[in-house]
Amino acid sequence: MKQPWAKVSRWARVLLPLLLTLGVVLAVIISVAPADAVQITTPGLPTSVDPGTILVLDTQVFIDAGELIPISSIAVNVLGPTPFSFSFSPAGQVLSGGGWVDSVVVISAGQFGYGYGFGYDPNVGAGYFFGYGYGYGFGYGGLDSTTLLRRVRVLTDGLQPGTYQVTVVVNTGDIVKPTFSSSISTFTVNKFNSTTTTLLSTPTITLGGSVTDTATVSGLVSTPAGTVTFQVSTNGVLWTSFGGPKALSGGTATSDAYMPPAAGNYLFRAVYGGNAAYKGSQSDILAEPLTVNRTNSTTTTLLSASTITLGGSVTDRATVSGPRPTPTGTVTFQVSTNGGANWTQFGGAKLLLMGSATSDAYRPAAAVDYLFRAVYGGDRNHDGSQSGDLAELLRVNKFNSTTTTRLSASTI
């Protein structure tokens, strides 16, 4: 007769391996539970935002099928130059950090109801019992997967420029598994805009004079620091820097003195290079026109001789001077025989060479006094001028004569 324990032993020998195998399979299943059972992301987070604008931050919580997750609040933690945080309920009510939040809008409510289930965190493991929901008495999830999407409009007025790291945390309100966290996502707050204005020391000068330019750089939250470069142009297209970069002091900087090389119209601008907080900027290219008027010139002359005998000739040499550059252009030479009442040009116009020109030779027609002068016509940088009317007197003497005699007879 077989003993009962023998039958049990026989069945044990059959079932025990099966139970062991099933245990191994279950252990494997639990150990490789899907990592996206609770997945928190910030879809569409902008890579950058200008300060003073709204940052649209979407917080998305995906709960896999079969998971029932109680959610008491959603917190957003931001690290960067200006760290801050805030939290809100699943219904969109701001719970903390309200100074940073303009609004919270429920885009997708997600499936929820009374119940309990198991949550999953890939860093800890699976099989955490949550009981009967959170403060509202609800648990999110169910037989099907569900997604909670909340759109937060974040105020950026108080954020300093730089890169920020965002982490979204789902708080379950349960001591067994209190939180689920997203991976880190980033955005950048751009530098503040700056404004550069300028003031020229004077809008009009005469060639040979100089001007200075003063730049003022302003910003939204503080006085900008850094350097300004001053530039000049004669056509508004090509710009040349003059002097070195000037450091801002109290938001202003003044250029070195600039002496225009020629008469004409000039444009000035200031270029701010920016710093850690502010973008660079430049002044309006048409805001500072400068008119440089032609300067005076002086014409002096030197006659080759002050006295000649009728039949001889003279030349006149003119020298034209003025502020840089050296005057160019032409000189005409004139002569007068009636004390300067009337003048007659002799020879053609002569081109200045290094500021000087010499007339053709002049041969007086009568033995009288002559006056000479030179008339300079001017160029783009210099006004015309003439030498003094009485500066060059020429006295022309009569020919010498010889008188001889002859008697009709030497003896009578």
Protein backbone atom coordinates (compact mmCIF):
# COMPACT_ATOMS: atom_id res chain seq x y z
CA MET A 1 0.00 0.00 0.00
CA LYS A 2 1.37 3.37 -1.02
CA GLN A 3 1.72 6.04 1.60
CA PRO A 4 -0.08 9.43 0.98
CA TRP A 5 3.16 11.31 1.39
CA ALA A 6 4.59 9.33 -1.47
CA LYS A 7 1.89 10.59 -3.81
CA VAL A 8 2.53 14.12 -2.54
CA SER A 9 6.22 13.64 -3.05
CA ARG A 10 5.65 12.44 -6.56
CA TRP A 11 3.50 15.48 -7.34
CA ALA A 12 6.04 17.70 -5.63
CA ARG A 13 8.74 16.32 -7.87
CA VAL A 14 6.58 17.31 -10.87
CA LEU A 15 5.34 20.71 -9.70
CA LEU A 16 8.44 22.04 -7.99
CA PRO A 17 10.43 22.53 -11.19
CA LEU A 18 7.42 24.18 -12.82
CA LEU A 19 7.02 26.55 -9.88
CA LEU A 20 10.69 27.41 -9.94
CA THR A 21 10.56 28.12 -13.66
CA LEU A 22 7.48 30.29 -13.23
CA GLY A 23 9.22 32.24 -10.47
CA VAL A 24 12.22 32.89 -12.66
CA VAL A 25 9.98 34.07 -15.51
CA LEU A 26 8.09 36.43 -13.20
CA ALA A 27 11.33 37.80 -11.81
CA VAL A 28 12.58 38.44 -15.33
CA ILE A 29 9.31 40.10 -16.29
CA ILE A 30 9.47 42.38 -13.26
CA SER A 31 13.14 43.21 -13.79
CA VAL A 32 12.62 44.26 -17.40
CA ALA A 33 9.41 46.22 -16.86
CA PRO A 34 9.08 48.96 -19.55
CA ALA A 35 10.98 52.14 -18.70
CA ASP A 36 8.16 54.32 -20.04
CA ALA A 37 5.52 53.14 -17.54
CA VAL A 38 5.64 56.72 -16.20
CA GLN A 39 7.39 59.07 -18.60
CA ILE A 40 7.61 62.84 -18.03
CA THR A 41 8.71 65.14 -20.86
CA THR A 42 8.61 68.82 -21.91
CA PRO A 43 7.63 68.57 -25.59
CA GLY A 44 8.20 71.60 -27.76
CA LEU A 45 10.29 73.48 -25.19
CA PRO A 46 11.85 76.43 -27.07
CA THR A 47 15.61 76.40 -27.37
CA SER A 48 15.71 80.12 -26.57
CA VAL A 49 13.48 82.95 -25.43
CA ASP A 50 13.89 86.70 -25.23
CA PRO A 51 13.78 88.19 -21.72
CA GLY A 52 10.49 89.83 -20.87
CA THR A 53 8.49 87.47 -23.08
CA ILE A 54 6.41 84.40 -22.23
CA LEU A 55 8.06 80.96 -22.15
CA VAL A 56 5.56 78.26 -23.10
CA LEU A 57 6.42 75.16 -21.08
CA ASP A 58 4.39 72.01 -21.75
CA THR A 59 4.58 69.33 -19.04
CA GLN A 60 3.52 65.94 -20.34
CA VAL A 61 3.04 62.89 -18.09
CA PHE A 62 2.56 59.56 -19.88
CA ILE A 63 1.24 56.65 -17.81
CA ASP A 64 1.46 53.21 -19.34
CA ALA A 65 -1.51 50.84 -19.55
CA GLY A 66 -2.28 49.05 -16.32
CA GLU A 67 -0.59 51.64 -14.11
CA LEU A 68 -2.68 53.63 -11.61
CA ILE A 69 -0.67 56.63 -10.35
CA PRO A 70 -1.91 59.08 -7.72
CA ILE A 71 -0.79 62.67 -8.49
CA SER A 72 -1.00 65.34 -5.81
CA SER A 73 0.98 68.02 -7.69
CA ILE A 74 3.40 68.68 -10.52
CA ALA A 75 6.52 70.69 -9.71
CA VAL A 76 8.88 72.42 -12.13
CA ASN A 77 12.43 73.07 -10.93
CA VAL A 78 14.65 75.36 -12.98
CA LEU A 79 18.39 75.78 -12.43
CA GLY A 80 20.44 78.54 -14.07
CA PRO A 81 21.60 82.13 -13.58
CA THR A 82 18.27 82.87 -11.84
CA PRO A 83 17.06 79.61 -10.22
CA PHE A 84 13.33 79.30 -9.56
CA SER A 85 10.57 76.73 -9.10
CA PHE A 86 6.81 76.47 -8.99
CA SER A 87 4.14 73.80 -8.61
CA PHE A 88 0.53 73.30 -9.61
CA SER A 89 -2.25 70.77 -9.13
CA PRO A 90 -3.41 68.40 -11.90
CA ALA A 91 -6.40 70.71 -12.29
CA GLY A 92 -4.08 73.65 -13.11
CA GLN A 93 -4.21 75.54 -9.81
CA VAL A 94 -0.88 77.17 -8.96
CA LEU A 95 0.26 75.94 -5.55
CA SER A 96 3.65 77.67 -5.16
CA GLY A 97 5.96 80.03 -7.05
CA GLY A 98 3.05 81.95 -8.51
CA GLY A 99 5.25 84.95 -9.30
CA TRP A 100 6.78 82.99 -12.16
CA VAL A 101 3.52 81.68 -13.63
CA ASP A 102 1.17 83.59 -15.90
CA SER A 103 -1.28 80.70 -16.31
CA VAL A 104 -1.66 76.90 -16.35
CA VAL A 105 -3.96 75.41 -18.98
CA VAL A 106 -5.13 71.80 -19.05
CA ILE A 107 -4.58 70.61 -22.62
CA SER A 108 -5.19 66.91 -21.99
CA ALA A 109 -6.81 65.91 -18.68
CA GLY A 110 -5.88 62.20 -18.82
CA GLN A 111 -7.90 59.26 -17.52
CA PHE A 112 -8.51 59.22 -13.79
CA GLY A 113 -10.82 57.74 -11.18
CA TYR A 114 -10.94 55.93 -7.86
CA GLY A 115 -8.61 53.00 -7.60
CA TYR A 116 -5.14 51.78 -6.85
CA GLY A 117 -2.34 50.14 -8.76
CA PHE A 118 1.35 49.66 -9.16
CA GLY A 119 3.77 52.38 -10.28
CA TYR A 120 7.15 51.92 -11.87
CA ASP A 121 10.44 53.76 -11.65
CA PRO A 122 13.33 52.28 -13.70
CA ASN A 123 15.85 53.51 -11.15
CA VAL A 124 14.17 51.73 -8.23
CA GLY A 125 12.06 48.87 -9.53
CA ALA A 126 8.43 47.92 -9.95
CA GLY A 127 5.53 46.87 -7.76
CA TYR A 128 4.95 49.91 -5.55
CA PHE A 129 1.47 49.91 -4.03
CA PHE A 130 -0.15 53.35 -3.95
CA GLY A 131 -3.46 52.70 -2.27
CA TYR A 132 -6.52 54.79 -3.04
CA GLY A 133 -5.29 57.80 -4.94
CA TYR A 134 -4.10 61.21 -3.83
CA GLY A 135 -5.63 64.18 -2.06
CA TYR A 136 -8.52 64.44 -4.46
CA GLY A 137 -9.29 60.75 -4.10
CA PHE A 138 -8.30 59.97 -7.68
CA GLY A 139 -5.64 57.84 -9.32
CA TYR A 140 -4.47 58.45 -12.91
CA GLY A 141 -4.21 55.60 -15.40
CA GLY A 142 -6.21 52.47 -16.00
CA LEU A 143 -6.43 49.58 -18.40
CA ASP A 144 -5.29 51.86 -21.24
CA SER A 145 -2.33 54.25 -21.25
CA THR A 146 -3.12 57.89 -20.61
CA THR A 147 -1.40 61.25 -21.07
CA LEU A 148 -1.64 64.37 -18.91
CA LEU A 149 -0.61 67.57 -20.71
CA ARG A 150 -0.49 70.91 -18.91
CA ARG A 151 0.64 74.11 -20.67
CA VAL A 152 2.35 76.58 -18.38
CA ARG A 153 3.03 80.18 -19.46
CA VAL A 154 6.18 81.16 -17.59
CA LEU A 155 7.13 84.80 -16.99
CA THR A 156 10.76 85.62 -17.88
CA ASP A 157 10.96 89.26 -16.76
CA GLY A 158 13.25 88.49 -13.83
CA LEU A 159 15.52 85.98 -15.57
CA GLN A 160 19.13 86.84 -16.27
CA PRO A 161 20.48 85.74 -19.66
CA GLY A 162 22.04 82.30 -19.82
CA THR A 163 21.26 78.58 -20.05
CA TYR A 164 18.65 77.00 -17.79
CA GLN A 165 17.97 73.33 -16.90
CA VAL A 166 14.39 72.19 -16.37
CA THR A 167 13.23 69.16 -14.39
CA VAL A 168 9.55 68.26 -14.01
CA VAL A 169 8.59 66.25 -10.92
CA VAL A 170 5.30 64.41 -10.37
CA ASN A 171 4.48 64.23 -6.66
CA THR A 172 2.31 61.24 -5.73
CA GLY A 173 1.64 62.26 -2.17
CA ASP A 174 2.52 58.74 -1.02
CA ILE A 175 5.49 57.82 1.14
CA VAL A 176 6.03 54.52 -0.72
CA LYS A 177 6.96 56.17 -3.99
CA PRO A 178 6.75 59.96 -3.49
CA THR A 179 7.98 61.24 -6.88
CA PHE A 180 8.61 60.57 -10.53
CA SER A 181 11.07 62.89 -12.37
CA SER A 182 11.75 63.84 -15.96
CA SER A 183 15.14 63.97 -17.54
CA ILE A 184 16.78 67.41 -17.79
CA SER A 185 15.77 69.66 -20.68
CA THR A 186 17.32 73.05 -21.39
CA PHE A 187 16.48 76.46 -22.78
CA THR A 188 18.41 79.70 -23.10
CA VAL A 189 17.32 83.17 -22.10
CA ASN A 190 18.77 85.47 -24.71
CA LYS A 191 20.68 88.60 -23.84
CA PHE A 192 18.75 91.80 -23.29
CA ASN A 193 18.42 94.21 -26.20
CA SER A 194 20.44 97.40 -25.94
CA THR A 195 19.93 100.80 -27.55
CA THR A 196 22.79 103.04 -28.67
CA THR A 197 22.29 106.75 -29.33
CA THR A 198 24.91 109.35 -30.21
CA LEU A 199 25.51 113.09 -30.09
CA LEU A 200 28.07 114.85 -32.28
CA SER A 201 29.85 117.83 -30.72
CA THR A 202 28.80 120.04 -33.67
CA PRO A 203 27.03 119.46 -37.00
CA THR A 204 29.16 121.91 -39.03
CA ILE A 205 32.86 122.74 -39.09
CA THR A 206 35.40 124.28 -41.41
CA LEU A 207 38.14 122.09 -42.86
CA GLY A 208 40.96 121.97 -40.34
CA GLY A 209 38.59 121.69 -37.37
CA SER A 210 37.64 118.52 -35.46
CA VAL A 211 34.63 116.90 -33.74
CA THR A 212 33.99 114.32 -31.02
CA ASP A 213 31.14 111.83 -30.77
CA THR A 214 29.45 110.77 -27.51
CA ALA A 215 27.56 107.46 -27.32
CA THR A 216 24.94 106.51 -24.74
CA VAL A 217 23.98 102.83 -24.37
CA SER A 218 20.79 101.96 -22.45
CA GLY A 219 19.16 98.66 -21.47
CA LEU A 220 16.11 97.14 -19.80
CA VAL A 221 17.28 96.14 -16.34
CA SER A 222 20.68 97.70 -15.65
CA THR A 223 23.23 100.09 -17.12
CA PRO A 224 25.14 98.27 -19.89
CA ALA A 225 28.90 97.87 -19.57
CA GLY A 226 31.50 97.07 -22.21
CA THR A 227 33.08 99.08 -25.02
CA VAL A 228 31.98 101.26 -27.92
CA THR A 229 33.73 101.70 -31.26
CA PHE A 230 33.24 104.95 -33.20
CA GLN A 231 33.08 104.94 -36.99
CA VAL A 232 32.90 107.49 -39.81
CA SER A 233 31.72 107.24 -43.41
CA THR A 234 31.43 109.52 -46.43
CA ASN A 235 28.76 107.41 -48.17
CA GLY A 236 26.93 105.43 -45.47
CA VAL A 237 28.20 102.15 -46.96
CA LEU A 238 31.87 101.93 -46.11
CA TRP A 239 32.74 102.67 -42.48
CA THR A 240 36.12 103.31 -40.89
CA SER A 241 36.83 103.14 -37.17
CA PHE A 242 38.72 106.05 -35.65
CA GLY A 243 40.42 105.93 -32.28
CA GLY A 244 40.39 102.80 -30.16
CA PRO A 245 37.40 101.14 -28.41
CA LYS A 246 36.16 103.28 -25.54
CA ALA A 247 34.96 101.78 -22.24
CA LEU A 248 31.46 102.73 -21.13
CA SER A 249 31.23 104.63 -17.88
CA GLY A 250 27.71 105.02 -16.56
CA GLY A 251 26.49 103.94 -19.97
CA THR A 252 28.35 106.63 -21.96
CA ALA A 253 31.63 106.95 -23.85
CA THR A 254 33.25 109.72 -25.90
CA SER A 255 35.40 109.26 -28.98
CA ASP A 256 38.80 110.69 -29.74
CA ALA A 257 38.77 113.96 -31.71
CA TYR A 258 38.27 113.38 -35.43
CA MET A 259 39.70 115.83 -38.00
CA PRO A 260 38.15 115.31 -41.45
CA PRO A 261 40.74 115.09 -44.23
CA ALA A 262 38.63 116.94 -46.79
CA ALA A 263 35.59 119.16 -47.12
CA GLY A 264 32.25 117.46 -47.76
CA ASN A 265 29.58 115.48 -45.93
CA TYR A 266 30.30 112.84 -43.28
CA LEU A 267 28.24 110.35 -41.27
CA PHE A 268 29.09 109.02 -37.81
CA ARG A 269 27.89 106.04 -35.81
CA ALA A 270 28.76 104.20 -32.59
CA VAL A 271 28.87 100.38 -32.36
CA TYR A 272 28.34 98.78 -28.94
CA GLY A 273 29.88 95.30 -28.70
CA GLY A 274 27.56 93.96 -25.97
CA ASN A 275 28.49 92.02 -22.82
CA ALA A 276 27.29 89.01 -20.83
CA ALA A 277 23.87 90.56 -20.27
CA TYR A 278 23.27 92.72 -23.33
CA LYS A 279 23.31 92.23 -27.07
CA GLY A 280 25.36 94.61 -29.16
CA SER A 281 23.73 97.54 -30.95
CA GLN A 282 24.63 100.51 -33.07
CA SER A 283 23.30 104.01 -33.52
CA ASP A 284 21.29 105.14 -36.53
CA ILE A 285 23.63 105.69 -39.46
CA LEU A 286 21.78 108.86 -40.49
CA ALA A 287 21.55 110.36 -37.00
CA GLU A 288 24.81 112.30 -37.12
CA PRO A 289 25.51 114.16 -40.37
CA LEU A 290 28.52 116.46 -40.38
CA THR A 291 29.08 119.20 -42.96
CA VAL A 292 32.71 120.20 -43.47
CA ASN A 293 32.93 123.52 -45.29
CA ARG A 294 35.82 124.61 -47.48
CA THR A 295 38.51 126.56 -45.70
CA ASN A 296 40.12 129.85 -46.65
CA SER A 297 43.21 130.02 -48.81
CA THR A 298 45.93 132.65 -49.06
CA THR A 299 47.66 133.65 -52.30
CA THR A 300 50.98 135.48 -52.30
CA THR A 301 53.13 136.47 -55.27
CA LEU A 302 56.73 137.27 -56.09
CA LEU A 303 57.69 139.19 -59.22
CA SER A 304 60.95 138.23 -60.86
CA ALA A 305 62.03 141.91 -60.89
CA SER A 306 60.63 145.18 -59.64
CA THR A 307 62.32 147.39 -62.27
CA ILE A 308 63.12 146.74 -65.91
CA THR A 309 63.90 148.73 -69.00
CA LEU A 310 61.37 148.84 -71.77
CA GLY A 311 61.99 145.82 -73.94
CA GLY A 312 62.63 143.48 -71.02
CA SER A 313 60.20 140.95 -69.45
CA VAL A 314 59.18 139.56 -66.04
CA THR A 315 57.49 136.47 -64.62
CA ASP A 316 55.21 136.23 -61.62
CA ARG A 317 55.26 133.32 -59.13
CA ALA A 318 52.18 132.58 -57.01
CA THR A 319 52.10 130.48 -53.81
CA VAL A 320 48.73 129.31 -52.46
CA SER A 321 48.55 128.08 -48.85
CA GLY A 322 45.80 126.79 -46.53
CA PRO A 323 45.01 124.04 -43.98
CA ARG A 324 45.73 120.50 -45.08
CA PRO A 325 45.58 119.16 -47.66
CA THR A 326 47.80 121.35 -49.89
CA PRO A 327 45.65 123.47 -52.22
CA THR A 328 45.28 122.26 -55.78
CA GLY A 329 43.74 123.78 -58.90
CA THR A 330 44.80 126.66 -61.11
CA VAL A 331 46.02 130.25 -60.89
CA THR A 332 45.56 133.03 -63.46
CA PHE A 333 47.92 136.03 -63.65
CA GLN A 334 46.77 139.57 -64.31
CA VAL A 335 48.32 142.95 -65.02
CA SER A 336 47.07 146.54 -64.70
CA THR A 337 48.48 149.78 -66.21
CA ASN A 338 46.07 152.24 -64.54
CA GLY A 339 46.72 151.71 -60.85
CA GLY A 340 44.52 148.65 -60.44
CA ALA A 341 41.32 150.08 -61.93
CA ASN A 342 41.33 147.55 -64.76
CA TRP A 343 43.03 144.16 -64.98
CA THR A 344 44.02 142.05 -67.98
CA GLN A 345 44.94 138.37 -67.88
CA PHE A 346 48.16 137.40 -69.55
CA GLY A 347 49.08 133.84 -70.45
CA GLY A 348 46.86 130.85 -69.66
CA ALA A 349 45.74 129.39 -66.35
CA LYS A 350 48.62 127.66 -64.60
CA LEU A 351 48.25 124.42 -62.64
CA LEU A 352 49.44 124.50 -59.06
CA LEU A 353 52.30 122.14 -58.31
CA MET A 354 52.95 121.67 -54.57
CA GLY A 355 51.00 124.85 -54.02
CA SER A 356 52.93 127.04 -56.48
CA ALA A 357 52.66 128.18 -60.11
CA THR A 358 54.68 130.53 -62.38
CA SER A 359 53.25 132.78 -65.09
CA ASP A 360 54.34 133.11 -68.68
CA ALA A 361 56.87 135.89 -69.34
CA TYR A 362 55.30 139.32 -69.66
CA ARG A 363 56.91 142.04 -71.83
CA PRO A 364 55.54 145.54 -71.08
CA ALA A 365 54.51 147.63 -74.09
CA ALA A 366 55.29 151.06 -72.65
CA ALA A 367 57.55 152.71 -70.13
CA VAL A 368 55.00 153.17 -67.35
CA ASP A 369 54.24 151.61 -63.94
CA TYR A 370 52.54 148.19 -63.90
CA LEU A 371 50.73 146.24 -61.19
CA PHE A 372 50.55 142.42 -61.06
CA ARG A 373 48.35 139.98 -59.14
CA ALA A 374 47.50 136.27 -59.09
CA VAL A 375 43.94 134.86 -58.76
CA TYR A 376 43.43 131.35 -57.34
CA GLY A 377 40.15 129.67 -58.33
CA GLY A 378 39.87 127.31 -55.33
CA ASP A 379 39.30 123.52 -55.15
CA ARG A 380 36.96 121.14 -53.25
CA ASN A 381 38.69 121.94 -49.98
CA HIS A 382 39.70 125.59 -50.33
CA ASP A 383 37.93 128.79 -51.25
CA GLY A 384 39.48 130.95 -53.95
CA SER A 385 41.75 133.90 -53.14
CA GLN A 386 43.93 136.47 -54.80
CA SER A 387 47.08 138.34 -53.98
CA GLY A 388 47.05 142.03 -53.04
CA ASP A 389 46.39 144.50 -55.82
CA LEU A 390 49.30 146.71 -54.74
CA ALA A 391 51.69 143.96 -53.74
CA GLU A 392 53.62 143.83 -57.02
CA LEU A 393 54.66 147.12 -58.60
CA LEU A 394 56.82 147.02 -61.73
CA ARG A 395 58.54 150.17 -62.95
CA VAL A 396 59.41 150.12 -66.65
CA ASN A 397 62.09 152.65 -67.57
CA LYS A 398 62.46 154.25 -70.98
CA PHE A 399 65.08 153.10 -73.43
CA ASN A 400 68.48 154.80 -73.10
CA SER A 401 69.20 157.10 -76.08
CA THR A 402 72.51 158.26 -77.65
CA THR A 403 72.79 161.62 -79.44
CA THR A 404 75.59 162.22 -81.99
CA THR A 405 76.35 165.35 -84.09
CA ARG A 406 78.14 166.18 -87.33
CA LEU A 407 79.13 169.63 -88.56
CA SER A 408 78.70 170.47 -92.17
CA ALA A 409 82.34 171.58 -92.31
CA SER A 410 85.14 171.68 -89.92
CA THR A 411 86.74 174.87 -91.45
CA ILE A 412 85.25 177.83 -93.11
